[in-house]
Amino acid sequence: MIEGISAIGAAGPSAGVRSPLSGAAPTEGPTFDQALAQAIGSAVDTLQTGEALAIQGVEGAASPMKVVESVMAAQRSLQAVLAIRDKAVAAYQEIARMTI
């Protein structure tokens, strides 16, 4: 499951998608697709770290406190990604309902 999310984060921006502001003056900071890719990559890293520490905790190689902290961080990351997904779906549905 995490590998599937990694593939999404590693895909980066689509080559065929052009920004509506491509002719405009450059802006400060990352573009939306860069920020989204960075957020997904960070979430995947956190999930993988939590998974690895949970396995170490089962084996007795990691302290319970570290396991709990990493699992809670992974849960927060997953909830953030799900919230972003829900907002994107809601925005798409709103656009689909618009009359032309």
PDB file of N, CA and C in Angstrom:
ATOM      1  N   MET A   1       0.816  -1.183   0.000  1.00  0.00           N
ATOM      2  CA  MET A   1       0.000   0.000   0.000  1.00  0.00           C
ATOM      3  C   MET A   1       0.868   1.258   0.000  1.00  0.00           C
ATOM      4  N   ILE A   2       1.898   1.271   0.842  1.00  0.00           N
ATOM      5  CA  ILE A   2       2.771   2.441   0.900  1.00  0.00           C
ATOM      6  C   ILE A   2       3.533   2.598  -0.402  1.00  0.00           C
ATOM      7  N   GLU A   3       3.881   1.488  -1.050  1.00  0.00           N
ATOM      8  CA  GLU A   3       4.591   1.574  -2.324  1.00  0.00           C
ATOM      9  C   GLU A   3       3.729   2.261  -3.380  1.00  0.00           C
ATOM     10  N   GLY A   4       2.425   2.028  -3.360  1.00  0.00           N
ATOM     11  CA  GLY A   4       1.517   2.684  -4.305  1.00  0.00           C
ATOM     12  C   GLY A   4       1.485   4.185  -4.095  1.00  0.00           C
ATOM     13  N   ILE A   5       1.512   4.607  -2.827  1.00  0.00           N
ATOM     14  CA  ILE A   5       1.523   6.031  -2.529  1.00  0.00           C
ATOM     15  C   ILE A   5       2.858   6.624  -2.936  1.00  0.00           C
ATOM     16  N   SER A   6       3.939   5.882  -2.753  1.00  0.00           N
ATOM     17  CA  SER A   6       5.258   6.361  -3.157  1.00  0.00           C
ATOM     18  C   SER A   6       5.305   6.617  -4.650  1.00  0.00           C
ATOM     19  N   ALA A   7       4.649   5.751  -5.414  1.00  0.00           N
ATOM     20  CA  ALA A   7       4.636   5.927  -6.866  1.00  0.00           C
ATOM     21  C   ALA A   7       3.932   7.216  -7.251  1.00  0.00           C
ATOM     22  N   ILE A   8       2.889   7.571  -6.516  1.00  0.00           N
ATOM     23  CA  ILE A   8       2.176   8.813  -6.793  1.00  0.00           C
ATOM     24  C   ILE A   8       3.056  10.004  -6.491  1.00  0.00           C
ATOM     25  N   GLY A   9       3.721   9.970  -5.336  1.00  0.00           N
ATOM     26  CA  GLY A   9       4.584  11.079  -4.956  1.00  0.00           C
ATOM     27  C   GLY A   9       5.786  11.224  -5.874  1.00  0.00           C
ATOM     28  N   ALA A  10       6.301  10.104  -6.377  1.00  0.00           N
ATOM     29  CA  ALA A  10       7.481  10.140  -7.238  1.00  0.00           C
ATOM     30  C   ALA A  10       7.135  10.534  -8.665  1.00  0.00           C
ATOM     31  N   ALA A  11       5.865  10.426  -9.039  1.00  0.00           N
ATOM     32  CA  ALA A  11       5.464  10.711 -10.411  1.00  0.00           C
ATOM     33  C   ALA A  11       5.707  12.171 -10.767  1.00  0.00           C
ATOM     34  N   GLY A  12       5.505  13.066  -9.808  1.00  0.00           N
ATOM     35  CA  GLY A  12       5.735  14.478 -10.060  1.00  0.00           C
ATOM     36  C   GLY A  12       4.667  15.050 -10.956  1.00  0.00           C
ATOM     37  N   PRO A  13       4.864  16.281 -11.434  1.00  0.00           N
ATOM     38  CA  PRO A  13       3.862  16.923 -12.266  1.00  0.00           C
ATOM     39  C   PRO A  13       3.758  16.264 -13.633  1.00  0.00           C
ATOM     40  N   SER A  14       2.575  16.277 -14.170  1.00  0.00           N
ATOM     41  CA  SER A  14       2.345  15.686 -15.484  1.00  0.00           C
ATOM     42  C   SER A  14       2.944  16.566 -16.571  1.00  0.00           C
ATOM     43  N   ALA A  15       3.494  15.929 -17.580  1.00  0.00           N
ATOM     44  CA  ALA A  15       4.123  16.685 -18.664  1.00  0.00           C
ATOM     45  C   ALA A  15       3.085  17.382 -19.527  1.00  0.00           C
ATOM     46  N   GLY A  16       1.895  16.813 -19.653  1.00  0.00           N
ATOM     47  CA  GLY A  16       0.875  17.386 -20.514  1.00  0.00           C
ATOM     48  C   GLY A  16       0.041  18.463 -19.852  1.00  0.00           C
ATOM     49  N   VAL A  17       0.205  18.704 -18.568  1.00  0.00           N
ATOM     50  CA  VAL A  17      -0.593  19.685 -17.858  1.00  0.00           C
ATOM     51  C   VAL A  17       0.171  20.992 -17.827  1.00  0.00           C
ATOM     52  N   ARG A  18      -0.504  22.046 -18.299  1.00  0.00           N
ATOM     53  CA  ARG A  18       0.130  23.357 -18.283  1.00  0.00           C
ATOM     54  C   ARG A  18      -0.546  24.230 -17.250  1.00  0.00           C
ATOM     55  N   SER A  19       0.211  25.026 -16.583  1.00  0.00           N
ATOM     56  CA  SER A  19      -0.330  25.953 -15.602  1.00  0.00           C
ATOM     57  C   SER A  19      -0.989  27.113 -16.324  1.00  0.00           C
ATOM     58  N   PRO A  20      -2.154  27.593 -15.845  1.00  0.00           N
ATOM     59  CA  PRO A  20      -2.782  28.736 -16.486  1.00  0.00           C
ATOM     60  C   PRO A  20      -1.943  29.992 -16.342  1.00  0.00           C
ATOM     61  N   LEU A  21      -1.001  30.010 -15.429  1.00  0.00           N
ATOM     62  CA  LEU A  21      -0.156  31.166 -15.214  1.00  0.00           C
ATOM     63  C   LEU A  21       1.206  31.022 -15.882  1.00  0.00           C
ATOM     64  N   SER A  22       1.328  30.100 -16.846  1.00  0.00           N
ATOM     65  CA  SER A  22       2.639  29.834 -17.434  1.00  0.00           C
ATOM     66  C   SER A  22       3.220  31.059 -18.143  1.00  0.00           C
ATOM     67  N   GLY A  23       2.383  31.941 -18.655  1.00  0.00           N
ATOM     68  CA  GLY A  23       2.866  33.138 -19.318  1.00  0.00           C
ATOM     69  C   GLY A  23       3.070  34.287 -18.357  1.00  0.00           C
ATOM     70  N   ALA A  24       2.638  34.149 -17.119  1.00  0.00           N
ATOM     71  CA  ALA A  24       2.724  35.220 -16.133  1.00  0.00           C
ATOM     72  C   ALA A  24       4.137  35.287 -15.548  1.00  0.00           C
ATOM     73  N   ALA A  25       4.361  36.361 -14.809  1.00  0.00           N
ATOM     74  CA  ALA A  25       5.661  36.537 -14.161  1.00  0.00           C
ATOM     75  C   ALA A  25       5.858  35.454 -13.105  1.00  0.00           C
ATOM     76  N   PRO A  26       7.090  35.014 -12.892  1.00  0.00           N
ATOM     77  CA  PRO A  26       7.346  33.976 -11.892  1.00  0.00           C
ATOM     78  C   PRO A  26       6.931  34.459 -10.500  1.00  0.00           C
ATOM     79  N   THR A  27       6.408  33.536  -9.712  1.00  0.00           N
ATOM     80  CA  THR A  27       5.986  33.863  -8.356  1.00  0.00           C
ATOM     81  C   THR A  27       6.969  33.269  -7.358  1.00  0.00           C
ATOM     82  N   GLU A  28       6.886  33.730  -6.141  1.00  0.00           N
ATOM     83  CA  GLU A  28       7.750  33.224  -5.083  1.00  0.00           C
ATOM     84  C   GLU A  28       7.193  31.909  -4.566  1.00  0.00           C
ATOM     85  N   GLY A  29       8.069  31.008  -4.177  1.00  0.00           N
ATOM     86  CA  GLY A  29       7.657  29.750  -3.570  1.00  0.00           C
ATOM     87  C   GLY A  29       7.350  28.675  -4.595  1.00  0.00           C
ATOM     88  N   PRO A  30       7.039  27.490  -4.085  1.00  0.00           N
ATOM     89  CA  PRO A  30       6.775  26.354  -4.978  1.00  0.00           C
ATOM     90  C   PRO A  30       5.397  26.450  -5.624  1.00  0.00           C
ATOM     91  N   THR A  31       5.229  25.772  -6.737  1.00  0.00           N
ATOM     92  CA  THR A  31       3.925  25.699  -7.380  1.00  0.00           C
ATOM     93  C   THR A  31       3.055  24.715  -6.602  1.00  0.00           C
ATOM     94  N   PHE A  32       1.770  24.691  -6.951  1.00  0.00           N
ATOM     95  CA  PHE A  32       0.843  23.801  -6.245  1.00  0.00           C
ATOM     96  C   PHE A  32       1.256  22.348  -6.388  1.00  0.00           C
ATOM     97  N   ASP A  33       1.605  21.936  -7.605  1.00  0.00           N
ATOM     98  CA  ASP A  33       1.971  20.528  -7.803  1.00  0.00           C
ATOM     99  C   ASP A  33       3.273  20.180  -7.074  1.00  0.00           C
ATOM    100  N   GLN A  34       4.198  21.116  -6.975  1.00  0.00           N
ATOM    101  CA  GLN A  34       5.425  20.866  -6.222  1.00  0.00           C
ATOM    102  C   GLN A  34       5.128  20.739  -4.732  1.00  0.00           C
ATOM    103  N   ALA A  35       4.270  21.619  -4.219  1.00  0.00           N
ATOM    104  CA  ALA A  35       3.912  21.565  -2.802  1.00  0.00           C
ATOM    105  C   ALA A  35       3.166  20.279  -2.483  1.00  0.00           C
ATOM    106  N   LEU A  36       2.279  19.859  -3.373  1.00  0.00           N
ATOM    107  CA  LEU A  36       1.531  18.625  -3.160  1.00  0.00           C
ATOM    108  C   LEU A  36       2.457  17.411  -3.209  1.00  0.00           C
ATOM    109  N   ALA A  37       3.375  17.388  -4.154  1.00  0.00           N
ATOM    110  CA  ALA A  37       4.338  16.285  -4.249  1.00  0.00           C
ATOM    111  C   ALA A  37       5.223  16.233  -3.012  1.00  0.00           C
ATOM    112  N   GLN A  38       5.614  17.394  -2.505  1.00  0.00           N
ATOM    113  CA  GLN A  38       6.438  17.444  -1.301  1.00  0.00           C
ATOM    114  C   GLN A  38       5.648  16.933  -0.095  1.00  0.00           C
ATOM    115  N   ALA A  39       4.381  17.310   0.014  1.00  0.00           N
ATOM    116  CA  ALA A  39       3.546  16.857   1.137  1.00  0.00           C
ATOM    117  C   ALA A  39       3.346  15.344   1.079  1.00  0.00           C
ATOM    118  N   ILE A  40       3.107  14.823  -0.112  1.00  0.00           N
ATOM    119  CA  ILE A  40       2.927  13.375  -0.262  1.00  0.00           C
ATOM    120  C   ILE A  40       4.222  12.641   0.073  1.00  0.00           C
ATOM    121  N   GLY A  41       5.336  13.148  -0.424  1.00  0.00           N
ATOM    122  CA  GLY A  41       6.631  12.528  -0.133  1.00  0.00           C
ATOM    123  C   GLY A  41       6.934  12.524   1.355  1.00  0.00           C
ATOM    124  N   SER A  42       6.632  13.626   2.028  1.00  0.00           N
ATOM    125  CA  SER A  42       6.854  13.702   3.468  1.00  0.00           C
ATOM    126  C   SER A  42       5.956  12.717   4.211  1.00  0.00           C
ATOM    127  N   ALA A  43       4.706  12.613   3.778  1.00  0.00           N
ATOM    128  CA  ALA A  43       3.781  11.670   4.419  1.00  0.00           C
ATOM    129  C   ALA A  43       4.237  10.231   4.217  1.00  0.00           C
ATOM    130  N   VAL A  44       4.705   9.912   3.032  1.00  0.00           N
ATOM    131  CA  VAL A  44       5.185   8.556   2.757  1.00  0.00           C
ATOM    132  C   VAL A  44       6.399   8.237   3.626  1.00  0.00           C
ATOM    133  N   ASP A  45       7.315   9.193   3.751  1.00  0.00           N
ATOM    134  CA  ASP A  45       8.489   8.982   4.604  1.00  0.00           C
ATOM    135  C   ASP A  45       8.085   8.730   6.053  1.00  0.00           C
ATOM    136  N   THR A  46       7.119   9.515   6.538  1.00  0.00           N
ATOM    137  CA  THR A  46       6.652   9.351   7.912  1.00  0.00           C
ATOM    138  C   THR A  46       5.984   7.993   8.105  1.00  0.00           C
ATOM    139  N   LEU A  47       5.176   7.573   7.130  1.00  0.00           N
ATOM    140  CA  LEU A  47       4.516   6.271   7.228  1.00  0.00           C
ATOM    141  C   LEU A  47       5.533   5.127   7.217  1.00  0.00           C
ATOM    142  N   GLN A  48       6.540   5.235   6.365  1.00  0.00           N
ATOM    143  CA  GLN A  48       7.560   4.193   6.303  1.00  0.00           C
ATOM    144  C   GLN A  48       8.367   4.135   7.597  1.00  0.00           C
ATOM    145  N   THR A  49       8.674   5.294   8.171  1.00  0.00           N
ATOM    146  CA  THR A  49       9.398   5.334   9.442  1.00  0.00           C
ATOM    147  C   THR A  49       8.563   4.710  10.555  1.00  0.00           C
ATOM    148  N   GLY A  50       7.278   5.047  10.585  1.00  0.00           N
ATOM    149  CA  GLY A  50       6.390   4.471  11.597  1.00  0.00           C
ATOM    150  C   GLY A  50       6.276   2.972  11.461  1.00  0.00           C
ATOM    151  N   GLU A  51       6.180   2.506  10.218  1.00  0.00           N
ATOM    152  CA  GLU A  51       6.097   1.069   9.978  1.00  0.00           C
ATOM    153  C   GLU A  51       7.383   0.360  10.423  1.00  0.00           C
ATOM    154  N   ALA A  52       8.520   0.942  10.099  1.00  0.00           N
ATOM    155  CA  ALA A  52       9.799   0.329  10.467  1.00  0.00           C
ATOM    156  C   ALA A  52       9.975   0.289  11.986  1.00  0.00           C
ATOM    157  N   LEU A  53       9.621   1.365  12.663  1.00  0.00           N
ATOM    158  CA  LEU A  53       9.759   1.381  14.115  1.00  0.00           C
ATOM    159  C   LEU A  53       8.754   0.453  14.782  1.00  0.00           C
ATOM    160  N   ALA A  54       7.571   0.287  14.202  1.00  0.00           N
ATOM    161  CA  ALA A  54       6.598  -0.661  14.752  1.00  0.00           C
ATOM    162  C   ALA A  54       7.144  -2.083  14.664  1.00  0.00           C
ATOM    163  N   ILE A  55       7.793  -2.409  13.567  1.00  0.00           N
ATOM    164  CA  ILE A  55       8.396  -3.736  13.412  1.00  0.00           C
ATOM    165  C   ILE A  55       9.523  -3.913  14.422  1.00  0.00           C
ATOM    166  N   GLN A  56      10.351  -2.878  14.595  1.00  0.00           N
ATOM    167  CA  GLN A  56      11.424  -2.949  15.582  1.00  0.00           C
ATOM    168  C   GLN A  56      10.867  -3.095  16.988  1.00  0.00           C
ATOM    169  N   GLY A  57       9.738  -2.447  17.266  1.00  0.00           N
ATOM    170  CA  GLY A  57       9.107  -2.562  18.571  1.00  0.00           C
ATOM    171  C   GLY A  57       8.616  -3.963  18.843  1.00  0.00           C
ATOM    172  N   VAL A  58       8.063  -4.626  17.818  1.00  0.00           N
ATOM    173  CA  VAL A  58       7.609  -6.008  17.971  1.00  0.00           C
ATOM    174  C   VAL A  58       8.804  -6.929  18.241  1.00  0.00           C
ATOM    175  N   GLU A  59       9.921  -6.628  17.585  1.00  0.00           N
ATOM    176  CA  GLU A  59      11.128  -7.430  17.776  1.00  0.00           C
ATOM    177  C   GLU A  59      11.833  -7.111  19.089  1.00  0.00           C
ATOM    178  N   GLY A  60      11.446  -6.021  19.747  1.00  0.00           N
ATOM    179  CA  GLY A  60      12.073  -5.621  21.003  1.00  0.00           C
ATOM    180  C   GLY A  60      13.293  -4.750  20.820  1.00  0.00           C
ATOM    181  N   ALA A  61      13.547  -4.278  19.600  1.00  0.00           N
ATOM    182  CA  ALA A  61      14.734  -3.471  19.323  1.00  0.00           C
ATOM    183  C   ALA A  61      14.503  -1.977  19.562  1.00  0.00           C
ATOM    184  N   ALA A  62      13.249  -1.542  19.676  1.00  0.00           N
ATOM    185  CA  ALA A  62      12.943  -0.121  19.875  1.00  0.00           C
ATOM    186  C   ALA A  62      12.111   0.029  21.145  1.00  0.00           C
ATOM    187  N   SER A  63      12.277   1.177  21.789  1.00  0.00           N
ATOM    188  CA  SER A  63      11.517   1.418  23.019  1.00  0.00           C
ATOM    189  C   SER A  63      10.043   1.666  22.683  1.00  0.00           C
ATOM    190  N   PRO A  64       9.164   1.314  23.595  1.00  0.00           N
ATOM    191  CA  PRO A  64       7.732   1.533  23.345  1.00  0.00           C
ATOM    192  C   PRO A  64       7.393   3.005  23.102  1.00  0.00           C
ATOM    193  N   MET A  65       8.094   3.904  23.766  1.00  0.00           N
ATOM    194  CA  MET A  65       7.832   5.335  23.591  1.00  0.00           C
ATOM    195  C   MET A  65       8.131   5.775  22.156  1.00  0.00           C
ATOM    196  N   LYS A  66       9.243   5.317  21.582  1.00  0.00           N
ATOM    197  CA  LYS A  66       9.583   5.659  20.200  1.00  0.00           C
ATOM    198  C   LYS A  66       8.567   5.069  19.235  1.00  0.00           C
ATOM    199  N   VAL A  67       8.112   3.857  19.525  1.00  0.00           N
ATOM    200  CA  VAL A  67       7.117   3.212  18.659  1.00  0.00           C
ATOM    201  C   VAL A  67       5.823   4.009  18.678  1.00  0.00           C
ATOM    202  N   VAL A  68       5.375   4.398  19.858  1.00  0.00           N
ATOM    203  CA  VAL A  68       4.123   5.158  19.976  1.00  0.00           C
ATOM    204  C   VAL A  68       4.253   6.497  19.271  1.00  0.00           C
ATOM    205  N   GLU A  69       5.372   7.193  19.466  1.00  0.00           N
ATOM    206  CA  GLU A  69       5.575   8.491  18.818  1.00  0.00           C
ATOM    207  C   GLU A  69       5.568   8.364  17.295  1.00  0.00           C
ATOM    208  N   SER A  70       6.242   7.362  16.764  1.00  0.00           N
ATOM    209  CA  SER A  70       6.310   7.219  15.311  1.00  0.00           C
ATOM    210  C   SER A  70       4.967   6.793  14.720  1.00  0.00           C
ATOM    211  N   VAL A  71       4.242   5.945  15.429  1.00  0.00           N
ATOM    212  CA  VAL A  71       2.921   5.526  14.936  1.00  0.00           C
ATOM    213  C   VAL A  71       1.945   6.701  14.980  1.00  0.00           C
ATOM    214  N   MET A  72       2.014   7.514  16.019  1.00  0.00           N
ATOM    215  CA  MET A  72       1.137   8.695  16.103  1.00  0.00           C
ATOM    216  C   MET A  72       1.475   9.705  15.005  1.00  0.00           C
ATOM    217  N   ALA A  73       2.755   9.878  14.712  1.00  0.00           N
ATOM    218  CA  ALA A  73       3.157  10.775  13.626  1.00  0.00           C
ATOM    219  C   ALA A  73       2.648  10.247  12.287  1.00  0.00           C
ATOM    220  N   ALA A  74       2.734   8.933  12.094  1.00  0.00           N
ATOM    221  CA  ALA A  74       2.223   8.329  10.863  1.00  0.00           C
ATOM    222  C   ALA A  74       0.715   8.515  10.756  1.00  0.00           C
ATOM    223  N   GLN A  75       0.020   8.396  11.870  1.00  0.00           N
ATOM    224  CA  GLN A  75      -1.432   8.585  11.862  1.00  0.00           C
ATOM    225  C   GLN A  75      -1.785  10.026  11.506  1.00  0.00           C
ATOM    226  N   ARG A  76      -1.065  11.001  12.063  1.00  0.00           N
ATOM    227  CA  ARG A  76      -1.319  12.405  11.730  1.00  0.00           C
ATOM    228  C   ARG A  76      -1.060  12.666  10.251  1.00  0.00           C
ATOM    229  N   SER A  77       0.003  12.093   9.708  1.00  0.00           N
ATOM    230  CA  SER A  77       0.312  12.277   8.286  1.00  0.00           C
ATOM    231  C   SER A  77      -0.778  11.680   7.412  1.00  0.00           C
ATOM    232  N   LEU A  78      -1.231  10.487   7.773  1.00  0.00           N
ATOM    233  CA  LEU A  78      -2.287   9.842   7.006  1.00  0.00           C
ATOM    234  C   LEU A  78      -3.572  10.654   7.057  1.00  0.00           C
ATOM    235  N   GLN A  79      -3.924  11.185   8.223  1.00  0.00           N
ATOM    236  CA  GLN A  79      -5.121  12.007   8.340  1.00  0.00           C
ATOM    237  C   GLN A  79      -5.003  13.281   7.511  1.00  0.00           C
ATOM    238  N   ALA A  80      -3.819  13.876   7.457  1.00  0.00           N
ATOM    239  CA  ALA A  80      -3.617  15.074   6.648  1.00  0.00           C
ATOM    240  C   ALA A  80      -3.778  14.760   5.163  1.00  0.00           C
ATOM    241  N   VAL A  81      -3.211  13.653   4.715  1.00  0.00           N
ATOM    242  CA  VAL A  81      -3.338  13.262   3.303  1.00  0.00           C
ATOM    243  C   VAL A  81      -4.795  12.975   2.963  1.00  0.00           C
ATOM    244  N   LEU A  82      -5.499  12.314   3.858  1.00  0.00           N
ATOM    245  CA  LEU A  82      -6.918  12.038   3.615  1.00  0.00           C
ATOM    246  C   LEU A  82      -7.741  13.322   3.570  1.00  0.00           C
ATOM    247  N   ALA A  83      -7.406  14.297   4.409  1.00  0.00           N
ATOM    248  CA  ALA A  83      -8.116  15.578   4.384  1.00  0.00           C
ATOM    249  C   ALA A  83      -7.871  16.306   3.066  1.00  0.00           C
ATOM    250  N   ILE A  84      -6.640  16.263   2.575  1.00  0.00           N
ATOM    251  CA  ILE A  84      -6.329  16.893   1.280  1.00  0.00           C
ATOM    252  C   ILE A  84      -7.099  16.206   0.175  1.00  0.00           C
ATOM    253  N   ARG A  85      -7.134  14.864   0.205  1.00  0.00           N
ATOM    254  CA  ARG A  85      -7.891  14.114  -0.796  1.00  0.00           C
ATOM    255  C   ARG A  85      -9.364  14.478  -0.758  1.00  0.00           C
ATOM    256  N   ASP A  86      -9.940  14.561   0.431  1.00  0.00           N
ATOM    257  CA  ASP A  86     -11.352  14.893   0.564  1.00  0.00           C
ATOM    258  C   ASP A  86     -11.658  16.290   0.011  1.00  0.00           C
ATOM    259  N   LYS A  87     -10.785  17.237   0.272  1.00  0.00           N
ATOM    260  CA  LYS A  87     -10.974  18.599  -0.247  1.00  0.00           C
ATOM    261  C   LYS A  87     -10.858  18.622  -1.771  1.00  0.00           C
ATOM    262  N   ALA A  88      -9.925  17.863  -2.318  1.00  0.00           N
ATOM    263  CA  ALA A  88      -9.770  17.812  -3.776  1.00  0.00           C
ATOM    264  C   ALA A  88     -11.003  17.183  -4.429  1.00  0.00           C
ATOM    265  N   VAL A  89     -11.536  16.125  -3.828  1.00  0.00           N
ATOM    266  CA  VAL A  89     -12.737  15.481  -4.367  1.00  0.00           C
ATOM    267  C   VAL A  89     -13.921  16.429  -4.271  1.00  0.00           C
ATOM    268  N   ALA A  90     -14.057  17.129  -3.146  1.00  0.00           N
ATOM    269  CA  ALA A  90     -15.158  18.079  -2.989  1.00  0.00           C
ATOM    270  C   ALA A  90     -15.060  19.210  -4.014  1.00  0.00           C
ATOM    271  N   ALA A  91     -13.849  19.686  -4.266  1.00  0.00           N
ATOM    272  CA  ALA A  91     -13.664  20.747  -5.259  1.00  0.00           C
ATOM    273  C   ALA A  91     -14.018  20.245  -6.656  1.00  0.00           C
ATOM    274  N   TYR A  92     -13.618  19.026  -6.981  1.00  0.00           N
ATOM    275  CA  TYR A  92     -13.958  18.449  -8.285  1.00  0.00           C
ATOM    276  C   TYR A  92     -15.463  18.306  -8.436  1.00  0.00           C
ATOM    277  N   GLN A  93     -16.127  17.841  -7.390  1.00  0.00           N
ATOM    278  CA  GLN A  93     -17.582  17.679  -7.446  1.00  0.00           C
ATOM    279  C   GLN A  93     -18.274  19.023  -7.620  1.00  0.00           C
ATOM    280  N   GLU A  94     -17.762  20.052  -6.958  1.00  0.00           N
ATOM    281  CA  GLU A  94     -18.335  21.390  -7.103  1.00  0.00           C
ATOM    282  C   GLU A  94     -18.171  21.903  -8.530  1.00  0.00           C
ATOM    283  N   ILE A  95     -17.025  21.686  -9.117  1.00  0.00           N
ATOM    284  CA  ILE A  95     -16.792  22.100 -10.504  1.00  0.00           C
ATOM    285  C   ILE A  95     -17.690  21.326 -11.451  1.00  0.00           C
ATOM    286  N   ALA A  96     -17.879  20.029 -11.182  1.00  0.00           N
ATOM    287  CA  ALA A  96     -18.726  19.196 -12.042  1.00  0.00           C
ATOM    288  C   ALA A  96     -20.189  19.652 -11.995  1.00  0.00           C
ATOM    289  N   ARG A  97     -20.623  20.226 -10.878  1.00  0.00           N
ATOM    290  CA  ARG A  97     -22.005  20.687 -10.752  1.00  0.00           C
ATOM    291  C   ARG A  97     -22.245  22.046 -11.395  1.00  0.00           C
ATOM    292  N   MET A  98     -21.194  22.765 -11.734  1.00  0.00           N
ATOM    293  CA  MET A  98     -21.361  24.094 -12.318  1.00  0.00           C
ATOM    294  C   MET A  98     -22.020  24.008 -13.692  1.00  0.00           C
ATOM    295  N   THR A  99     -22.875  24.986 -13.962  1.00  0.00           N
ATOM    296  CA  THR A  99     -23.494  25.042 -15.284  1.00  0.00           C
ATOM    297  C   THR A  99     -22.593  25.838 -16.213  1.00  0.00           C
ATOM    298  N   ILE A 100     -22.612  25.436 -17.461  1.00  0.00           N
ATOM    299  CA  ILE A 100     -21.750  26.093 -18.447  1.00  0.00           C
ATOM    300  C   ILE A 100     -22.555  27.101 -19.225  1.00  0.00           C
TER     301      ILE A 100
END
